[in-house]
Amino acid sequence: MEQLLNAGGKDGCPFYFVTLTNLNRMKRLVAIMGLVLAPIYLLNFTFGIWELPDNLPIIGNLDELAAAVWLMASLKHFGIDITDFLLSPRRLHKSKKE
């Protein structure tokens, strides 16, 4: 994978700037943005009045779902896994052992 990411540059490939350290920095930046922006979005300061999708059934909940998933993925990036309750007790014990 590292060869693929660092393959560009001299031969005119536009992806010469993608290295593993830059990729890790981008992941960290997106995770930090998720920790800041997702909770603010989930607080719903407009109370669903200003946004059109919030007034539509089912579709109105998809944006909150995306924000919640972004928040959970950001927390998991920094080692906080809040989805442990979804595992069965047997699998939870096995994952805690490792």
PDB file of N, CA and C in Angstrom:
ATOM      1  N   MET A   1       0.823  -1.191   0.000  1.00  0.00           N
ATOM      2  CA  MET A   1       0.000   0.000   0.000  1.00  0.00           C
ATOM      3  C   MET A   1       0.867   1.253   0.000  1.00  0.00           C
ATOM      4  N   GLU A   2       1.952   1.207   0.764  1.00  0.00           N
ATOM      5  CA  GLU A   2       2.829   2.379   0.831  1.00  0.00           C
ATOM      6  C   GLU A   2       3.434   2.685  -0.535  1.00  0.00           C
ATOM      7  N   GLN A   3       3.754   1.641  -1.287  1.00  0.00           N
ATOM      8  CA  GLN A   3       4.298   1.858  -2.625  1.00  0.00           C
ATOM      9  C   GLN A   3       3.268   2.531  -3.515  1.00  0.00           C
ATOM     10  N   LEU A   4       2.008   2.133  -3.364  1.00  0.00           N
ATOM     11  CA  LEU A   4       0.946   2.722  -4.164  1.00  0.00           C
ATOM     12  C   LEU A   4       0.763   4.193  -3.815  1.00  0.00           C
ATOM     13  N   LEU A   5       0.821   4.517  -2.537  1.00  0.00           N
ATOM     14  CA  LEU A   5       0.623   5.897  -2.118  1.00  0.00           C
ATOM     15  C   LEU A   5       1.791   6.796  -2.507  1.00  0.00           C
ATOM     16  N   ASN A   6       2.987   6.259  -2.490  1.00  0.00           N
ATOM     17  CA  ASN A   6       4.165   7.069  -2.798  1.00  0.00           C
ATOM     18  C   ASN A   6       4.628   6.920  -4.246  1.00  0.00           C
ATOM     19  N   ALA A   7       3.817   6.288  -5.088  1.00  0.00           N
ATOM     20  CA  ALA A   7       4.235   6.002  -6.457  1.00  0.00           C
ATOM     21  C   ALA A   7       4.281   7.254  -7.331  1.00  0.00           C
ATOM     22  N   GLY A   8       3.537   8.262  -6.999  1.00  0.00           N
ATOM     23  CA  GLY A   8       3.432   9.430  -7.879  1.00  0.00           C
ATOM     24  C   GLY A   8       4.549  10.425  -7.655  1.00  0.00           C
ATOM     25  N   GLY A   9       4.423  11.560  -8.313  1.00  0.00           N
ATOM     26  CA  GLY A   9       5.392  12.620  -8.132  1.00  0.00           C
ATOM     27  C   GLY A   9       6.214  12.882  -9.357  1.00  0.00           C
ATOM     28  N   LYS A  10       7.253  12.136  -9.537  1.00  0.00           N
ATOM     29  CA  LYS A  10       8.189  12.400 -10.624  1.00  0.00           C
ATOM     30  C   LYS A  10       7.615  12.069 -12.004  1.00  0.00           C
ATOM     31  N   ASP A  11       6.714  11.081 -12.047  1.00  0.00           N
ATOM     32  CA  ASP A  11       6.182  10.685 -13.350  1.00  0.00           C
ATOM     33  C   ASP A  11       4.898  11.446 -13.705  1.00  0.00           C
ATOM     34  N   GLY A  12       4.567  12.472 -12.998  1.00  0.00           N
ATOM     35  CA  GLY A  12       3.422  13.295 -13.345  1.00  0.00           C
ATOM     36  C   GLY A  12       2.120  12.890 -12.683  1.00  0.00           C
ATOM     37  N   CYS A  13       2.149  11.948 -11.784  1.00  0.00           N
ATOM     38  CA  CYS A  13       0.936  11.526 -11.084  1.00  0.00           C
ATOM     39  C   CYS A  13       0.480  12.642 -10.145  1.00  0.00           C
ATOM     40  N   PRO A  14      -0.809  13.002 -10.165  1.00  0.00           N
ATOM     41  CA  PRO A  14      -1.265  14.112  -9.323  1.00  0.00           C
ATOM     42  C   PRO A  14      -1.333  13.775  -7.834  1.00  0.00           C
ATOM     43  N   PHE A  15      -1.128  12.517  -7.468  1.00  0.00           N
ATOM     44  CA  PHE A  15      -1.284  12.109  -6.079  1.00  0.00           C
ATOM     45  C   PHE A  15       0.052  11.979  -5.361  1.00  0.00           C
ATOM     46  N   TYR A  16       1.034  12.766  -5.742  1.00  0.00           N
ATOM     47  CA  TYR A  16       2.352  12.670  -5.121  1.00  0.00           C
ATOM     48  C   TYR A  16       2.343  13.148  -3.668  1.00  0.00           C
ATOM     49  N   PHE A  17       1.378  13.973  -3.304  1.00  0.00           N
ATOM     50  CA  PHE A  17       1.340  14.527  -1.954  1.00  0.00           C
ATOM     51  C   PHE A  17       0.741  13.560  -0.944  1.00  0.00           C
ATOM     52  N   VAL A  18       0.179  12.449  -1.385  1.00  0.00           N
ATOM     53  CA  VAL A  18      -0.467  11.501  -0.480  1.00  0.00           C
ATOM     54  C   VAL A  18       0.588  10.560   0.068  1.00  0.00           C
ATOM     55  N   THR A  19       0.939  10.743   1.297  1.00  0.00           N
ATOM     56  CA  THR A  19       1.836   9.827   1.990  1.00  0.00           C
ATOM     57  C   THR A  19       1.101   9.311   3.207  1.00  0.00           C
ATOM     58  N   LEU A  20       1.681   8.328   3.862  1.00  0.00           N
ATOM     59  CA  LEU A  20       1.004   7.769   5.029  1.00  0.00           C
ATOM     60  C   LEU A  20       0.891   8.785   6.161  1.00  0.00           C
ATOM     61  N   THR A  21       1.882   9.636   6.329  1.00  0.00           N
ATOM     62  CA  THR A  21       1.786  10.627   7.401  1.00  0.00           C
ATOM     63  C   THR A  21       0.714  11.661   7.083  1.00  0.00           C
ATOM     64  N   ASN A  22       0.617  12.082   5.816  1.00  0.00           N
ATOM     65  CA  ASN A  22      -0.441  13.023   5.452  1.00  0.00           C
ATOM     66  C   ASN A  22      -1.814  12.385   5.582  1.00  0.00           C
ATOM     67  N   LEU A  23      -1.915  11.104   5.243  1.00  0.00           N
ATOM     68  CA  LEU A  23      -3.180  10.401   5.369  1.00  0.00           C
ATOM     69  C   LEU A  23      -3.595  10.311   6.836  1.00  0.00           C
ATOM     70  N   ASN A  24      -2.643  10.023   7.716  1.00  0.00           N
ATOM     71  CA  ASN A  24      -2.948   9.966   9.144  1.00  0.00           C
ATOM     72  C   ASN A  24      -3.334  11.334   9.681  1.00  0.00           C
ATOM     73  N   ARG A  25      -2.691  12.382   9.180  1.00  0.00           N
ATOM     74  CA  ARG A  25      -3.055  13.732   9.610  1.00  0.00           C
ATOM     75  C   ARG A  25      -4.467  14.094   9.170  1.00  0.00           C
ATOM     76  N   MET A  26      -4.821  13.699   7.958  1.00  0.00           N
ATOM     77  CA  MET A  26      -6.169  13.983   7.467  1.00  0.00           C
ATOM     78  C   MET A  26      -7.217  13.226   8.278  1.00  0.00           C
ATOM     79  N   LYS A  27      -6.926  11.971   8.601  1.00  0.00           N
ATOM     80  CA  LYS A  27      -7.855  11.193   9.426  1.00  0.00           C
ATOM     81  C   LYS A  27      -8.028  11.847  10.790  1.00  0.00           C
ATOM     82  N   ARG A  28      -6.920  12.287  11.379  1.00  0.00           N
ATOM     83  CA  ARG A  28      -6.985  12.940  12.680  1.00  0.00           C
ATOM     84  C   ARG A  28      -7.779  14.242  12.599  1.00  0.00           C
ATOM     85  N   LEU A  29      -7.566  15.013  11.527  1.00  0.00           N
ATOM     86  CA  LEU A  29      -8.292  16.265  11.351  1.00  0.00           C
ATOM     87  C   LEU A  29      -9.793  16.027  11.196  1.00  0.00           C
ATOM     88  N   VAL A  30     -10.170  15.026  10.403  1.00  0.00           N
ATOM     89  CA  VAL A  30     -11.588  14.707  10.224  1.00  0.00           C
ATOM     90  C   VAL A  30     -12.182  14.217  11.544  1.00  0.00           C
ATOM     91  N   ALA A  31     -11.423  13.450  12.320  1.00  0.00           N
ATOM     92  CA  ALA A  31     -11.917  12.975  13.612  1.00  0.00           C
ATOM     93  C   ALA A  31     -12.105  14.132  14.591  1.00  0.00           C
ATOM     94  N   ILE A  32     -11.180  15.074  14.611  1.00  0.00           N
ATOM     95  CA  ILE A  32     -11.326  16.242  15.485  1.00  0.00           C
ATOM     96  C   ILE A  32     -12.524  17.083  15.059  1.00  0.00           C
ATOM     97  N   MET A  33     -12.687  17.257  13.751  1.00  0.00           N
ATOM     98  CA  MET A  33     -13.857  17.998  13.265  1.00  0.00           C
ATOM     99  C   MET A  33     -15.142  17.289  13.663  1.00  0.00           C
ATOM    100  N   GLY A  34     -15.138  15.958  13.626  1.00  0.00           N
ATOM    101  CA  GLY A  34     -16.307  15.199  14.044  1.00  0.00           C
ATOM    102  C   GLY A  34     -16.618  15.369  15.519  1.00  0.00           C
ATOM    103  N   LEU A  35     -15.568  15.456  16.335  1.00  0.00           N
ATOM    104  CA  LEU A  35     -15.787  15.656  17.774  1.00  0.00           C
ATOM    105  C   LEU A  35     -16.339  17.041  18.077  1.00  0.00           C
ATOM    106  N   VAL A  36     -16.038  18.012  17.240  1.00  0.00           N
ATOM    107  CA  VAL A  36     -16.499  19.381  17.471  1.00  0.00           C
ATOM    108  C   VAL A  36     -17.843  19.643  16.792  1.00  0.00           C
ATOM    109  N   LEU A  37     -17.937  19.302  15.513  1.00  0.00           N
ATOM    110  CA  LEU A  37     -19.108  19.692  14.727  1.00  0.00           C
ATOM    111  C   LEU A  37     -20.322  18.782  14.911  1.00  0.00           C
ATOM    112  N   ALA A  38     -20.120  17.479  15.061  1.00  0.00           N
ATOM    113  CA  ALA A  38     -21.257  16.566  15.177  1.00  0.00           C
ATOM    114  C   ALA A  38     -22.109  16.837  16.419  1.00  0.00           C
ATOM    115  N   PRO A  39     -21.519  17.036  17.611  1.00  0.00           N
ATOM    116  CA  PRO A  39     -22.376  17.356  18.756  1.00  0.00           C
ATOM    117  C   PRO A  39     -23.117  18.689  18.598  1.00  0.00           C
ATOM    118  N   ILE A  40     -22.464  19.661  17.986  1.00  0.00           N
ATOM    119  CA  ILE A  40     -23.143  20.938  17.752  1.00  0.00           C
ATOM    120  C   ILE A  40     -24.334  20.728  16.827  1.00  0.00           C
ATOM    121  N   TYR A  41     -24.150  19.928  15.773  1.00  0.00           N
ATOM    122  CA  TYR A  41     -25.253  19.659  14.850  1.00  0.00           C
ATOM    123  C   TYR A  41     -26.367  18.880  15.542  1.00  0.00           C
ATOM    124  N   LEU A  42     -25.988  17.928  16.405  1.00  0.00           N
ATOM    125  CA  LEU A  42     -26.998  17.111  17.086  1.00  0.00           C
ATOM    126  C   LEU A  42     -27.766  17.892  18.151  1.00  0.00           C
ATOM    127  N   LEU A  43     -27.220  19.003  18.619  1.00  0.00           N
ATOM    128  CA  LEU A  43     -27.962  19.831  19.578  1.00  0.00           C
ATOM    129  C   LEU A  43     -29.183  20.484  18.936  1.00  0.00           C
ATOM    130  N   ASN A  44     -29.188  20.599  17.614  1.00  0.00           N
ATOM    131  CA  ASN A  44     -30.339  21.062  16.849  1.00  0.00           C
ATOM    132  C   ASN A  44     -30.821  22.439  17.311  1.00  0.00           C
ATOM    133  N   PHE A  45     -29.971  23.422  17.119  1.00  0.00           N
ATOM    134  CA  PHE A  45     -30.298  24.778  17.547  1.00  0.00           C
ATOM    135  C   PHE A  45     -31.473  25.390  16.789  1.00  0.00           C
ATOM    136  N   THR A  46     -31.777  24.893  15.597  1.00  0.00           N
ATOM    137  CA  THR A  46     -32.885  25.457  14.816  1.00  0.00           C
ATOM    138  C   THR A  46     -34.211  24.796  15.166  1.00  0.00           C
ATOM    139  N   PHE A  47     -34.194  23.788  16.014  1.00  0.00           N
ATOM    140  CA  PHE A  47     -35.387  23.068  16.451  1.00  0.00           C
ATOM    141  C   PHE A  47     -36.166  22.472  15.286  1.00  0.00           C
ATOM    142  N   GLY A  48     -35.509  22.208  14.171  1.00  0.00           N
ATOM    143  CA  GLY A  48     -36.151  21.572  13.035  1.00  0.00           C
ATOM    144  C   GLY A  48     -37.064  22.480  12.244  1.00  0.00           C
ATOM    145  N   ILE A  49     -37.080  23.757  12.527  1.00  0.00           N
ATOM    146  CA  ILE A  49     -37.971  24.680  11.832  1.00  0.00           C
ATOM    147  C   ILE A  49     -37.323  25.197  10.557  1.00  0.00           C
ATOM    148  N   TRP A  50     -36.048  25.555  10.624  1.00  0.00           N
ATOM    149  CA  TRP A  50     -35.363  26.173   9.499  1.00  0.00           C
ATOM    150  C   TRP A  50     -35.017  25.177   8.405  1.00  0.00           C
ATOM    151  N   GLU A  51     -34.696  23.959   8.776  1.00  0.00           N
ATOM    152  CA  GLU A  51     -34.233  22.977   7.805  1.00  0.00           C
ATOM    153  C   GLU A  51     -35.412  22.222   7.200  1.00  0.00           C
ATOM    154  N   LEU A  52     -35.481  22.197   5.901  1.00  0.00           N
ATOM    155  CA  LEU A  52     -36.535  21.482   5.197  1.00  0.00           C
ATOM    156  C   LEU A  52     -36.479  19.973   5.420  1.00  0.00           C
ATOM    157  N   PRO A  53     -35.300  19.320   5.359  1.00  0.00           N
ATOM    158  CA  PRO A  53     -35.294  17.858   5.520  1.00  0.00           C
ATOM    159  C   PRO A  53     -35.826  17.396   6.874  1.00  0.00           C
ATOM    160  N   ASP A  54     -35.709  18.204   7.911  1.00  0.00           N
ATOM    161  CA  ASP A  54     -36.201  17.773   9.220  1.00  0.00           C
ATOM    162  C   ASP A  54     -37.719  17.661   9.250  1.00  0.00           C
ATOM    163  N   ASN A  55     -38.403  18.314   8.354  1.00  0.00           N
ATOM    164  CA  ASN A  55     -39.859  18.268   8.333  1.00  0.00           C
ATOM    165  C   ASN A  55     -40.401  17.119   7.492  1.00  0.00           C
ATOM    166  N   LEU A  56     -39.538  16.406   6.792  1.00  0.00           N
ATOM    167  CA  LEU A  56     -39.959  15.276   5.968  1.00  0.00           C
ATOM    168  C   LEU A  56     -39.798  13.984   6.757  1.00  0.00           C
ATOM    169  N   PRO A  57     -40.804  13.109   6.730  1.00  0.00           N
ATOM    170  CA  PRO A  57     -40.687  11.844   7.457  1.00  0.00           C
ATOM    171  C   PRO A  57     -39.550  10.988   6.914  1.00  0.00           C
ATOM    172  N   ILE A  58     -38.887  10.281   7.760  1.00  0.00           N
ATOM    173  CA  ILE A  58     -37.774   9.363   7.498  1.00  0.00           C
ATOM    174  C   ILE A  58     -36.546  10.101   6.951  1.00  0.00           C
ATOM    175  N   ILE A  59     -36.696  10.877   5.906  1.00  0.00           N
ATOM    176  CA  ILE A  59     -35.563  11.597   5.320  1.00  0.00           C
ATOM    177  C   ILE A  59     -35.006  12.611   6.317  1.00  0.00           C
ATOM    178  N   GLY A  60     -35.856  13.169   7.133  1.00  0.00           N
ATOM    179  CA  GLY A  60     -35.430  14.154   8.117  1.00  0.00           C
ATOM    180  C   GLY A  60     -34.521  13.595   9.190  1.00  0.00           C
ATOM    181  N   ASN A  61     -34.555  12.292   9.370  1.00  0.00           N
ATOM    182  CA  ASN A  61     -33.715  11.676  10.401  1.00  0.00           C
ATOM    183  C   ASN A  61     -32.367  11.231   9.872  1.00  0.00           C
ATOM    184  N   LEU A  62     -32.186  11.204   8.565  1.00  0.00           N
ATOM    185  CA  LEU A  62     -30.931  10.704   7.995  1.00  0.00           C
ATOM    186  C   LEU A  62     -29.751  11.630   8.279  1.00  0.00           C
ATOM    187  N   ASP A  63     -29.992  12.936   8.333  1.00  0.00           N
ATOM    188  CA  ASP A  63     -28.873  13.840   8.624  1.00  0.00           C
ATOM    189  C   ASP A  63     -28.404  13.694  10.057  1.00  0.00           C
ATOM    190  N   GLU A  64     -29.337  13.478  10.986  1.00  0.00           N
ATOM    191  CA  GLU A  64     -28.930  13.222  12.369  1.00  0.00           C
ATOM    192  C   GLU A  64     -28.217  11.882  12.495  1.00  0.00           C
ATOM    193  N   LEU A  65     -28.652  10.890  11.721  1.00  0.00           N
ATOM    194  CA  LEU A  65     -27.973   9.599  11.717  1.00  0.00           C
ATOM    195  C   LEU A  65     -26.533   9.755  11.243  1.00  0.00           C
ATOM    196  N   ALA A  66     -26.341  10.513  10.176  1.00  0.00           N
ATOM    197  CA  ALA A  66     -24.982  10.729   9.660  1.00  0.00           C
ATOM    198  C   ALA A  66     -24.113  11.448  10.683  1.00  0.00           C
ATOM    199  N   ALA A  67     -24.660  12.435  11.372  1.00  0.00           N
ATOM    200  CA  ALA A  67     -23.892  13.152  12.394  1.00  0.00           C
ATOM    201  C   ALA A  67     -23.544  12.230  13.564  1.00  0.00           C
ATOM    202  N   ALA A  68     -24.481  11.359  13.959  1.00  0.00           N
ATOM    203  CA  ALA A  68     -24.220  10.435  15.064  1.00  0.00           C
ATOM    204  C   ALA A  68     -23.151   9.409  14.680  1.00  0.00           C
ATOM    205  N   VAL A  69     -23.202   8.924  13.450  1.00  0.00           N
ATOM    206  CA  VAL A  69     -22.193   7.968  12.986  1.00  0.00           C
ATOM    207  C   VAL A  69     -20.828   8.638  12.916  1.00  0.00           C
ATOM    208  N   TRP A  70     -20.785   9.882  12.451  1.00  0.00           N
ATOM    209  CA  TRP A  70     -19.533  10.636  12.387  1.00  0.00           C
ATOM    210  C   TRP A  70     -18.952  10.822  13.788  1.00  0.00           C
ATOM    211  N   LEU A  71     -19.817  11.120  14.761  1.00  0.00           N
ATOM    212  CA  LEU A  71     -19.365  11.289  16.144  1.00  0.00           C
ATOM    213  C   LEU A  71     -18.825   9.977  16.705  1.00  0.00           C
ATOM    214  N   MET A  72     -19.539   8.871  16.475  1.00  0.00           N
ATOM    215  CA  MET A  72     -19.073   7.578  16.989  1.00  0.00           C
ATOM    216  C   MET A  72     -17.763   7.154  16.326  1.00  0.00           C
ATOM    217  N   ALA A  73     -17.627   7.403  15.021  1.00  0.00           N
ATOM    218  CA  ALA A  73     -16.380   7.065  14.328  1.00  0.00           C
ATOM    219  C   ALA A  73     -15.231   7.928  14.829  1.00  0.00           C
ATOM    220  N   SER A  74     -15.504   9.197  15.132  1.00  0.00           N
ATOM    221  CA  SER A  74     -14.459  10.077  15.661  1.00  0.00           C
ATOM    222  C   SER A  74     -14.011   9.631  17.041  1.00  0.00           C
ATOM    223  N   LEU A  75     -14.958   9.245  17.865  1.00  0.00           N
ATOM    224  CA  LEU A  75     -14.605   8.741  19.194  1.00  0.00           C
ATOM    225  C   LEU A  75     -13.793   7.452  19.088  1.00  0.00           C
ATOM    226  N   LYS A  76     -14.195   6.577  18.175  1.00  0.00           N
ATOM    227  CA  LYS A  76     -13.476   5.319  18.009  1.00  0.00           C
ATOM    228  C   LYS A  76     -12.060   5.555  17.486  1.00  0.00           C
ATOM    229  N   HIS A  77     -11.871   6.586  16.668  1.00  0.00           N
ATOM    230  CA  HIS A  77     -10.533   6.915  16.168  1.00  0.00           C
ATOM    231  C   HIS A  77      -9.584   7.226  17.323  1.00  0.00           C
ATOM    232  N   PHE A  78     -10.106   7.853  18.373  1.00  0.00           N
ATOM    233  CA  PHE A  78      -9.274   8.203  19.523  1.00  0.00           C
ATOM    234  C   PHE A  78      -9.334   7.155  20.633  1.00  0.00           C
ATOM    235  N   GLY A  79      -9.882   5.966  20.338  1.00  0.00           N
ATOM    236  CA  GLY A  79      -9.837   4.857  21.284  1.00  0.00           C
ATOM    237  C   GLY A  79     -11.018   4.754  22.220  1.00  0.00           C
ATOM    238  N   ILE A  80     -12.067   5.507  22.005  1.00  0.00           N
ATOM    239  CA  ILE A  80     -13.257   5.432  22.850  1.00  0.00           C
ATOM    240  C   ILE A  80     -14.348   4.742  22.039  1.00  0.00           C
ATOM    241  N   ASP A  81     -14.615   3.472  22.367  1.00  0.00           N
ATOM    242  CA  ASP A  81     -15.608   2.706  21.622  1.00  0.00           C
ATOM    243  C   ASP A  81     -16.883   2.620  22.442  1.00  0.00           C
ATOM    244  N   ILE A  82     -17.908   3.324  22.002  1.00  0.00           N
ATOM    245  CA  ILE A  82     -19.177   3.317  22.747  1.00  0.00           C
ATOM    246  C   ILE A  82     -20.149   2.291  22.193  1.00  0.00           C
ATOM    247  N   THR A  83     -19.696   1.450  21.262  1.00  0.00           N
ATOM    248  CA  THR A  83     -20.571   0.439  20.681  1.00  0.00           C
ATOM    249  C   THR A  83     -20.349  -0.938  21.293  1.00  0.00           C
ATOM    250  N   ASP A  84     -19.689  -1.029  22.422  1.00  0.00           N
ATOM    251  CA  ASP A  84     -19.449  -2.324  23.063  1.00  0.00           C
ATOM    252  C   ASP A  84     -20.748  -3.001  23.486  1.00  0.00           C
ATOM    253  N   PHE A  85     -21.779  -2.239  23.779  1.00  0.00           N
ATOM    254  CA  PHE A  85     -23.025  -2.825  24.239  1.00  0.00           C
ATOM    255  C   PHE A  85     -23.717  -3.630  23.127  1.00  0.00           C
ATOM    256  N   LEU A  86     -23.305  -3.445  21.881  1.00  0.00           N
ATOM    257  CA  LEU A  86     -23.905  -4.184  20.777  1.00  0.00           C
ATOM    258  C   LEU A  86     -23.364  -5.601  20.666  1.00  0.00           C
ATOM    259  N   LEU A  87     -22.220  -5.869  21.264  1.00  0.00           N
ATOM    260  CA  LEU A  87     -21.630  -7.205  21.207  1.00  0.00           C
ATOM    261  C   LEU A  87     -22.330  -8.138  22.179  1.00  0.00           C
ATOM    262  N   SER A  88     -22.379  -9.411  21.834  1.00  0.00           N
ATOM    263  CA  SER A  88     -22.909 -10.397  22.759  1.00  0.00           C
ATOM    264  C   SER A  88     -21.920 -10.542  23.916  1.00  0.00           C
ATOM    265  N   PRO A  89     -22.371 -11.000  25.074  1.00  0.00           N
ATOM    266  CA  PRO A  89     -21.439 -11.123  26.215  1.00  0.00           C
ATOM    267  C   PRO A  89     -20.237 -12.014  25.911  1.00  0.00           C
ATOM    268  N   ARG A  90     -20.408 -13.053  25.110  1.00  0.00           N
ATOM    269  CA  ARG A  90     -19.304 -13.941  24.776  1.00  0.00           C
ATOM    270  C   ARG A  90     -18.267 -13.203  23.920  1.00  0.00           C
ATOM    271  N   ARG A  91     -18.734 -12.473  22.915  1.00  0.00           N
ATOM    272  CA  ARG A  91     -17.806 -11.737  22.058  1.00  0.00           C
ATOM    273  C   ARG A  91     -17.161 -10.569  22.808  1.00  0.00           C
ATOM    274  N   LEU A  92     -17.904  -9.958  23.726  1.00  0.00           N
ATOM    275  CA  LEU A  92     -17.360  -8.868  24.514  1.00  0.00           C
ATOM    276  C   LEU A  92     -16.222  -9.368  25.396  1.00  0.00           C
ATOM    277  N   HIS A  93     -16.414 -10.531  26.027  1.00  0.00           N
ATOM    278  CA  HIS A  93     -15.366 -11.102  26.874  1.00  0.00           C
ATOM    279  C   HIS A  93     -14.129 -11.451  26.042  1.00  0.00           C
ATOM    280  N   LYS A  94     -14.362 -11.973  24.817  1.00  0.00           N
ATOM    281  CA  LYS A  94     -13.254 -12.335  23.938  1.00  0.00           C
ATOM    282  C   LYS A  94     -12.478 -11.102  23.483  1.00  0.00           C
ATOM    283  N   SER A  95     -13.186 -10.012  23.166  1.00  0.00           N
ATOM    284  CA  SER A  95     -12.499  -8.799  22.704  1.00  0.00           C
ATOM    285  C   SER A  95     -11.774  -8.108  23.852  1.00  0.00           C
ATOM    286  N   LYS A  96     -12.267  -8.202  25.070  1.00  0.00           N
ATOM    287  CA  LYS A  96     -11.584  -7.602  26.225  1.00  0.00           C
ATOM    288  C   LYS A  96     -10.319  -8.376  26.562  1.00  0.00           C
ATOM    289  N   LYS A  97     -10.313  -9.694  26.277  1.00  0.00           N
ATOM    290  CA  LYS A  97      -9.156 -10.523  26.553  1.00  0.00           C
ATOM    291  C   LYS A  97      -7.968 -10.132  25.676  1.00  0.00           C
ATOM    292  N   GLU A  98      -8.238  -9.786  24.431  1.00  0.00           N
ATOM    293  CA  GLU A  98      -7.180  -9.449  23.485  1.00  0.00           C
ATOM    294  C   GLU A  98      -6.704  -8.091  23.777  1.00  0.00           C
TER     295      GLU A  98
END
